[in-house]
Amino acid sequence: HNIKTFTMSDIDKLGIKEVIENTIEYLKSRNVDGVHLSLDVDALDPLETPGTGTRVLGGLTYRESHFALELLHQSQS
C-alpha cells in the first residue's frame, strides 16, 4: 500500500519538526490534495493523558503533538 510511517524512535532521532516536514513533502510529492487525521490519545505519553485505557510510556508529549498539528495546518496551500 506504500504507506509512509515514522516510529517514536524516528521522532526521537529526527525531532517532530523534521518528521512532519518529511511527511508533508512525501504527501506533496504524491499530489495528495487532502488528509484526514485521526489523533488517538493512546499516541500521547500517559503522563500527558493519565485517563487513557492503554498506557504505554514514551509517547508524544502534548507540545510535540500540538506542534505537529500547527505544522500540518501551516502547510495548507
PDB file of N, CA and C in Angstrom:
ATOM      1  N   HIS A   1       0.807  -1.202   0.000  1.00  0.00           N
ATOM      2  CA  HIS A   1       0.000   0.000   0.000  1.00  0.00           C
ATOM      3  C   HIS A   1       0.851   1.267   0.000  1.00  0.00           C
ATOM      4  N   ASN A   2       2.164   1.130   0.082  1.00  0.00           N
ATOM      5  CA  ASN A   2       3.067   2.282   0.009  1.00  0.00           C
ATOM      6  C   ASN A   2       2.737   3.337   1.063  1.00  0.00           C
ATOM      7  N   ILE A   3       2.626   2.904   2.309  1.00  0.00           N
ATOM      8  CA  ILE A   3       2.291   3.803   3.413  1.00  0.00           C
ATOM      9  C   ILE A   3       3.573   4.255   4.103  1.00  0.00           C
ATOM     10  N   LYS A   4       3.730   5.549   4.266  1.00  0.00           N
ATOM     11  CA  LYS A   4       4.897   6.124   4.949  1.00  0.00           C
ATOM     12  C   LYS A   4       4.640   6.106   6.446  1.00  0.00           C
ATOM     13  N   THR A   5       5.583   5.574   7.208  1.00  0.00           N
ATOM     14  CA  THR A   5       5.427   5.528   8.658  1.00  0.00           C
ATOM     15  C   THR A   5       6.668   6.078   9.347  1.00  0.00           C
ATOM     16  N   PHE A   6       6.463   6.611  10.530  1.00  0.00           N
ATOM     17  CA  PHE A   6       7.547   7.056  11.398  1.00  0.00           C
ATOM     18  C   PHE A   6       7.276   6.489  12.783  1.00  0.00           C
ATOM     19  N   THR A   7       8.312   5.994  13.419  1.00  0.00           N
ATOM     20  CA  THR A   7       8.185   5.442  14.763  1.00  0.00           C
ATOM     21  C   THR A   7       8.570   6.504  15.790  1.00  0.00           C
ATOM     22  N   MET A   8       8.329   6.206  17.060  1.00  0.00           N
ATOM     23  CA  MET A   8       8.790   7.111  18.117  1.00  0.00           C
ATOM     24  C   MET A   8      10.304   7.215  18.097  1.00  0.00           C
ATOM     25  N   SER A   9      10.977   6.156  17.719  1.00  0.00           N
ATOM     26  CA  SER A   9      12.435   6.193  17.592  1.00  0.00           C
ATOM     27  C   SER A   9      12.848   7.202  16.520  1.00  0.00           C
ATOM     28  N   ASP A  10      12.108   7.235  15.410  1.00  0.00           N
ATOM     29  CA  ASP A  10      12.368   8.234  14.363  1.00  0.00           C
ATOM     30  C   ASP A  10      12.166   9.644  14.903  1.00  0.00           C
ATOM     31  N   ILE A  11      11.094   9.837  15.655  1.00  0.00           N
ATOM     32  CA  ILE A  11      10.813  11.156  16.230  1.00  0.00           C
ATOM     33  C   ILE A  11      11.907  11.545  17.211  1.00  0.00           C
ATOM     34  N   ASP A  12      12.374  10.587  18.002  1.00  0.00           N
ATOM     35  CA  ASP A  12      13.464  10.869  18.939  1.00  0.00           C
ATOM     36  C   ASP A  12      14.736  11.279  18.201  1.00  0.00           C
ATOM     37  N   LYS A  13      15.045  10.598  17.110  1.00  0.00           N
ATOM     38  CA  LYS A  13      16.274  10.869  16.353  1.00  0.00           C
ATOM     39  C   LYS A  13      16.181  12.158  15.537  1.00  0.00           C
ATOM     40  N   LEU A  14      15.061  12.333  14.845  1.00  0.00           N
ATOM     41  CA  LEU A  14      14.919  13.435  13.896  1.00  0.00           C
ATOM     42  C   LEU A  14      14.267  14.672  14.493  1.00  0.00           C
ATOM     43  N   GLY A  15      13.419  14.472  15.483  1.00  0.00           N
ATOM     44  CA  GLY A  15      12.612  15.555  16.026  1.00  0.00           C
ATOM     45  C   GLY A  15      11.280  15.623  15.309  1.00  0.00           C
ATOM     46  N   ILE A  16      10.270  16.099  16.012  1.00  0.00           N
ATOM     47  CA  ILE A  16       8.920  16.129  15.449  1.00  0.00           C
ATOM     48  C   ILE A  16       8.833  17.056  14.237  1.00  0.00           C
ATOM     49  N   LYS A  17       9.596  18.152  14.244  1.00  0.00           N
ATOM     50  CA  LYS A  17       9.559  19.102  13.122  1.00  0.00           C
ATOM     51  C   LYS A  17      10.011  18.433  11.828  1.00  0.00           C
ATOM     52  N   GLU A  18      11.142  17.729  11.878  1.00  0.00           N
ATOM     53  CA  GLU A  18      11.644  17.079  10.668  1.00  0.00           C
ATOM     54  C   GLU A  18      10.723  15.951  10.213  1.00  0.00           C
ATOM     55  N   VAL A  19      10.161  15.214  11.142  1.00  0.00           N
ATOM     56  CA  VAL A  19       9.241  14.132  10.782  1.00  0.00           C
ATOM     57  C   VAL A  19       8.014  14.696  10.071  1.00  0.00           C
ATOM     58  N   ILE A  20       7.449  15.764  10.599  1.00  0.00           N
ATOM     59  CA  ILE A  20       6.267  16.361   9.966  1.00  0.00           C
ATOM     60  C   ILE A  20       6.629  16.975   8.619  1.00  0.00           C
ATOM     61  N   GLU A  21       7.766  17.655   8.538  1.00  0.00           N
ATOM     62  CA  GLU A  21       8.190  18.224   7.252  1.00  0.00           C
ATOM     63  C   GLU A  21       8.414  17.123   6.219  1.00  0.00           C
ATOM     64  N   ASN A  22       9.027  16.003   6.620  1.00  0.00           N
ATOM     65  CA  ASN A  22       9.200  14.865   5.707  1.00  0.00           C
ATOM     66  C   ASN A  22       7.852  14.308   5.267  1.00  0.00           C
ATOM     67  N   THR A  23       6.910  14.248   6.183  1.00  0.00           N
ATOM     68  CA  THR A  23       5.574  13.753   5.870  1.00  0.00           C
ATOM     69  C   THR A  23       4.880  14.660   4.862  1.00  0.00           C
ATOM     70  N   ILE A  24       4.965  15.964   5.087  1.00  0.00           N
ATOM     71  CA  ILE A  24       4.336  16.928   4.177  1.00  0.00           C
ATOM     72  C   ILE A  24       4.946  16.818   2.783  1.00  0.00           C
ATOM     73  N   GLU A  25       6.275  16.741   2.704  1.00  0.00           N
ATOM     74  CA  GLU A  25       6.943  16.602   1.405  1.00  0.00           C
ATOM     75  C   GLU A  25       6.534  15.303   0.713  1.00  0.00           C
ATOM     76  N   TYR A  26       6.440  14.234   1.472  1.00  0.00           N
ATOM     77  CA  TYR A  26       6.020  12.944   0.925  1.00  0.00           C
ATOM     78  C   TYR A  26       4.623  13.054   0.316  1.00  0.00           C
ATOM     79  N   LEU A  27       3.706  13.675   1.040  1.00  0.00           N
ATOM     80  CA  LEU A  27       2.334  13.822   0.546  1.00  0.00           C
ATOM     81  C   LEU A  27       2.278  14.722  -0.684  1.00  0.00           C
ATOM     82  N   LYS A  28       3.017  15.827  -0.658  1.00  0.00           N
ATOM     83  CA  LYS A  28       3.037  16.737  -1.810  1.00  0.00           C
ATOM     84  C   LYS A  28       3.630  16.059  -3.040  1.00  0.00           C
ATOM     85  N   SER A  29       4.663  15.237  -2.844  1.00  0.00           N
ATOM     86  CA  SER A  29       5.303  14.560  -3.978  1.00  0.00           C
ATOM     87  C   SER A  29       4.354  13.566  -4.639  1.00  0.00           C
ATOM     88  N   ARG A  30       3.314  13.186  -3.934  1.00  0.00           N
ATOM     89  CA  ARG A  30       2.325  12.261  -4.478  1.00  0.00           C
ATOM     90  C   ARG A  30       1.024  12.968  -4.849  1.00  0.00           C
ATOM     91  N   ASN A  31       1.088  14.304  -4.884  1.00  0.00           N
ATOM     92  CA  ASN A  31      -0.057  15.133  -5.280  1.00  0.00           C
ATOM     93  C   ASN A  31      -1.298  14.874  -4.436  1.00  0.00           C
ATOM     94  N   VAL A  32      -1.090  14.609  -3.158  1.00  0.00           N
ATOM     95  CA  VAL A  32      -2.215  14.425  -2.243  1.00  0.00           C
ATOM     96  C   VAL A  32      -2.836  15.789  -1.984  1.00  0.00           C
ATOM     97  N   ASP A  33      -4.132  15.904  -2.178  1.00  0.00           N
ATOM     98  CA  ASP A  33      -4.772  17.211  -2.012  1.00  0.00           C
ATOM     99  C   ASP A  33      -5.593  17.325  -0.731  1.00  0.00           C
ATOM    100  N   GLY A  34      -5.607  16.290   0.077  1.00  0.00           N
ATOM    101  CA  GLY A  34      -6.327  16.351   1.340  1.00  0.00           C
ATOM    102  C   GLY A  34      -5.920  15.202   2.243  1.00  0.00           C
ATOM    103  N   VAL A  35      -6.036  15.443   3.535  1.00  0.00           N
ATOM    104  CA  VAL A  35      -5.649  14.431   4.516  1.00  0.00           C
ATOM    105  C   VAL A  35      -6.702  14.384   5.614  1.00  0.00           C
ATOM    106  N   HIS A  36      -7.065  13.180   6.015  1.00  0.00           N
ATOM    107  CA  HIS A  36      -7.904  13.001   7.198  1.00  0.00           C
ATOM    108  C   HIS A  36      -6.976  12.545   8.309  1.00  0.00           C
ATOM    109  N   LEU A  37      -6.938  13.278   9.390  1.00  0.00           N
ATOM    110  CA  LEU A  37      -6.058  12.954  10.505  1.00  0.00           C
ATOM    111  C   LEU A  37      -6.886  12.512  11.700  1.00  0.00           C
ATOM    112  N   SER A  38      -6.542  11.367  12.231  1.00  0.00           N
ATOM    113  CA  SER A  38      -7.162  10.875  13.453  1.00  0.00           C
ATOM    114  C   SER A  38      -6.066  10.768  14.500  1.00  0.00           C
ATOM    115  N   LEU A  39      -6.192  11.516  15.581  1.00  0.00           N
ATOM    116  CA  LEU A  39      -5.193  11.503  16.641  1.00  0.00           C
ATOM    117  C   LEU A  39      -5.754  10.748  17.836  1.00  0.00           C
ATOM    118  N   ASP A  40      -5.205   9.588  18.082  1.00  0.00           N
ATOM    119  CA  ASP A  40      -5.636   8.746  19.194  1.00  0.00           C
ATOM    120  C   ASP A  40      -4.856   9.155  20.437  1.00  0.00           C
ATOM    121  N   VAL A  41      -5.538   9.359  21.551  1.00  0.00           N
ATOM    122  CA  VAL A  41      -4.838   9.772  22.771  1.00  0.00           C
ATOM    123  C   VAL A  41      -3.844   8.715  23.240  1.00  0.00           C
ATOM    124  N   ASP A  42      -3.978   7.488  22.761  1.00  0.00           N
ATOM    125  CA  ASP A  42      -3.006   6.454  23.108  1.00  0.00           C
ATOM    126  C   ASP A  42      -1.629   6.753  22.516  1.00  0.00           C
ATOM    127  N   ALA A  43      -1.557   7.651  21.535  1.00  0.00           N
ATOM    128  CA  ALA A  43      -0.263   8.051  20.965  1.00  0.00           C
ATOM    129  C   ALA A  43       0.493   8.983  21.908  1.00  0.00           C
ATOM    130  N   LEU A  44      -0.234   9.583  22.848  1.00  0.00           N
ATOM    131  CA  LEU A  44       0.390  10.508  23.793  1.00  0.00           C
ATOM    132  C   LEU A  44       0.943   9.749  24.989  1.00  0.00           C
ATOM    133  N   ASP A  45       1.996  10.290  25.567  1.00  0.00           N
ATOM    134  CA  ASP A  45       2.578   9.686  26.755  1.00  0.00           C
ATOM    135  C   ASP A  45       1.541   9.680  27.880  1.00  0.00           C
ATOM    136  N   PRO A  46       1.442   8.601  28.655  1.00  0.00           N
ATOM    137  CA  PRO A  46       0.437   8.538  29.717  1.00  0.00           C
ATOM    138  C   PRO A  46       0.619   9.603  30.800  1.00  0.00           C
ATOM    139  N   LEU A  47       1.802  10.188  30.893  1.00  0.00           N
ATOM    140  CA  LEU A  47       1.981  11.303  31.820  1.00  0.00           C
ATOM    141  C   LEU A  47       1.151  12.504  31.376  1.00  0.00           C
ATOM    142  N   GLU A  48       0.875  12.581  30.063  1.00  0.00           N
ATOM    143  CA  GLU A  48       0.058  13.659  29.497  1.00  0.00           C
ATOM    144  C   GLU A  48      -1.429  13.322  29.550  1.00  0.00           C
ATOM    145  N   THR A  49      -1.743  12.036  29.450  1.00  0.00           N
ATOM    146  CA  THR A  49      -3.138  11.575  29.390  1.00  0.00           C
ATOM    147  C   THR A  49      -3.338  10.412  30.357  1.00  0.00           C
ATOM    148  N   PRO A  50      -3.364  10.681  31.647  1.00  0.00           N
ATOM    149  CA  PRO A  50      -3.434   9.598  32.629  1.00  0.00           C
ATOM    150  C   PRO A  50      -4.726   8.783  32.565  1.00  0.00           C
ATOM    151  N   GLY A  51      -5.760   9.287  31.935  1.00  0.00           N
ATOM    152  CA  GLY A  51      -7.029   8.577  31.890  1.00  0.00           C
ATOM    153  C   GLY A  51      -7.174   7.613  30.732  1.00  0.00           C
ATOM    154  N   THR A  52      -6.167   7.501  29.873  1.00  0.00           N
ATOM    155  CA  THR A  52      -6.290   6.617  28.725  1.00  0.00           C
ATOM    156  C   THR A  52      -6.296   5.156  29.160  1.00  0.00           C
ATOM    157  N   GLY A  53      -6.959   4.319  28.391  1.00  0.00           N
ATOM    158  CA  GLY A  53      -7.060   2.911  28.738  1.00  0.00           C
ATOM    159  C   GLY A  53      -5.813   2.108  28.415  1.00  0.00           C
ATOM    160  N   THR A  54      -5.046   2.557  27.431  1.00  0.00           N
ATOM    161  CA  THR A  54      -3.837   1.849  27.021  1.00  0.00           C
ATOM    162  C   THR A  54      -2.633   2.711  27.343  1.00  0.00           C
ATOM    163  N   ARG A  55      -2.029   2.444  28.485  1.00  0.00           N
ATOM    164  CA  ARG A  55      -0.917   3.272  28.951  1.00  0.00           C
ATOM    165  C   ARG A  55       0.410   2.675  28.482  1.00  0.00           C
ATOM    166  N   VAL A  56       1.097   3.399  27.587  1.00  0.00           N
ATOM    167  CA  VAL A  56       2.405   2.974  27.101  1.00  0.00           C
ATOM    168  C   VAL A  56       3.356   4.152  27.241  1.00  0.00           C
ATOM    169  N   LEU A  57       4.381   3.978  28.057  1.00  0.00           N
ATOM    170  CA  LEU A  57       5.341   5.059  28.263  1.00  0.00           C
ATOM    171  C   LEU A  57       6.112   5.364  26.983  1.00  0.00           C
ATOM    172  N   GLY A  58       6.514   6.618  26.842  1.00  0.00           N
ATOM    173  CA  GLY A  58       7.344   7.006  25.705  1.00  0.00           C
ATOM    174  C   GLY A  58       6.577   7.548  24.521  1.00  0.00           C
ATOM    175  N   GLY A  59       5.336   7.938  24.717  1.00  0.00           N
ATOM    176  CA  GLY A  59       4.553   8.503  23.620  1.00  0.00           C
ATOM    177  C   GLY A  59       4.863   9.975  23.413  1.00  0.00           C
ATOM    178  N   LEU A  60       4.101  10.596  22.535  1.00  0.00           N
ATOM    179  CA  LEU A  60       4.273  12.020  22.247  1.00  0.00           C
ATOM    180  C   LEU A  60       3.914  12.869  23.460  1.00  0.00           C
ATOM    181  N   THR A  61       4.593  13.987  23.595  1.00  0.00           N
ATOM    182  CA  THR A  61       4.204  14.955  24.614  1.00  0.00           C
ATOM    183  C   THR A  61       3.069  15.804  24.055  1.00  0.00           C
ATOM    184  N   TYR A  62       2.406  16.533  24.950  1.00  0.00           N
ATOM    185  CA  TYR A  62       1.363  17.456  24.499  1.00  0.00           C
ATOM    186  C   TYR A  62       1.959  18.454  23.511  1.00  0.00           C
ATOM    187  N   ARG A  63       3.120  19.002  23.841  1.00  0.00           N
ATOM    188  CA  ARG A  63       3.737  20.022  22.991  1.00  0.00           C
ATOM    189  C   ARG A  63       4.122  19.457  21.626  1.00  0.00           C
ATOM    190  N   GLU A  64       4.673  18.238  21.585  1.00  0.00           N
ATOM    191  CA  GLU A  64       5.024  17.627  20.296  1.00  0.00           C
ATOM    192  C   GLU A  64       3.785  17.455  19.424  1.00  0.00           C
ATOM    193  N   SER A  65       2.714  16.952  20.013  1.00  0.00           N
ATOM    194  CA  SER A  65       1.503  16.729  19.220  1.00  0.00           C
ATOM    195  C   SER A  65       0.895  18.051  18.767  1.00  0.00           C
ATOM    196  N   HIS A  66       0.891  19.042  19.629  1.00  0.00           N
ATOM    197  CA  HIS A  66       0.348  20.354  19.265  1.00  0.00           C
ATOM    198  C   HIS A  66       1.191  20.992  18.165  1.00  0.00           C
ATOM    199  N   PHE A  67       2.509  20.927  18.298  1.00  0.00           N
ATOM    200  CA  PHE A  67       3.407  21.494  17.289  1.00  0.00           C
ATOM    201  C   PHE A  67       3.229  20.781  15.948  1.00  0.00           C
ATOM    202  N   ALA A  68       3.075  19.462  15.972  1.00  0.00           N
ATOM    203  CA  ALA A  68       2.843  18.710  14.739  1.00  0.00           C
ATOM    204  C   ALA A  68       1.573  19.194  14.046  1.00  0.00           C
ATOM    205  N   LEU A  69       0.519  19.405  14.819  1.00  0.00           N
ATOM    206  CA  LEU A  69      -0.735  19.903  14.238  1.00  0.00           C
ATOM    207  C   LEU A  69      -0.569  21.319  13.702  1.00  0.00           C
ATOM    208  N   GLU A  70       0.203  22.156  14.399  1.00  0.00           N
ATOM    209  CA  GLU A  70       0.479  23.510  13.904  1.00  0.00           C
ATOM    210  C   GLU A  70       1.186  23.453  12.551  1.00  0.00           C
ATOM    211  N   LEU A  71       2.202  22.605  12.438  1.00  0.00           N
ATOM    212  CA  LEU A  71       2.943  22.478  11.182  1.00  0.00           C
ATOM    213  C   LEU A  71       2.049  21.977  10.056  1.00  0.00           C
ATOM    214  N   LEU A  72       1.210  21.001  10.349  1.00  0.00           N
ATOM    215  CA  LEU A  72       0.290  20.499   9.327  1.00  0.00           C
ATOM    216  C   LEU A  72      -0.675  21.587   8.875  1.00  0.00           C
ATOM    217  N   HIS A  73      -1.193  22.343   9.816  1.00  0.00           N
ATOM    218  CA  HIS A  73      -2.110  23.428   9.474  1.00  0.00           C
ATOM    219  C   HIS A  73      -1.412  24.485   8.614  1.00  0.00           C
ATOM    220  N   GLN A  74      -0.201  24.857   8.981  1.00  0.00           N
ATOM    221  CA  GLN A  74       0.550  25.874   8.237  1.00  0.00           C
ATOM    222  C   GLN A  74       0.917  25.410   6.832  1.00  0.00           C
ATOM    223  N   SER A  75       0.941  24.109   6.609  1.00  0.00           N
ATOM    224  CA  SER A  75       1.351  23.586   5.302  1.00  0.00           C
ATOM    225  C   SER A  75       0.247  23.675   4.254  1.00  0.00           C
ATOM    226  N   GLN A  76      -0.951  24.048   4.659  1.00  0.00           N
ATOM    227  CA  GLN A  76      -2.060  24.134   3.703  1.00  0.00           C
ATOM    228  C   GLN A  76      -1.730  25.158   2.632  1.00  0.00           C
ATOM    229  N   SER A  77      -1.998  24.769   1.385  1.00  0.00           N
ATOM    230  CA  SER A  77      -1.731  25.715   0.291  1.00  0.00           C
ATOM    231  C   SER A  77      -2.969  26.004  -0.508  1.00  0.00           C
TER     232      SER A  77
END
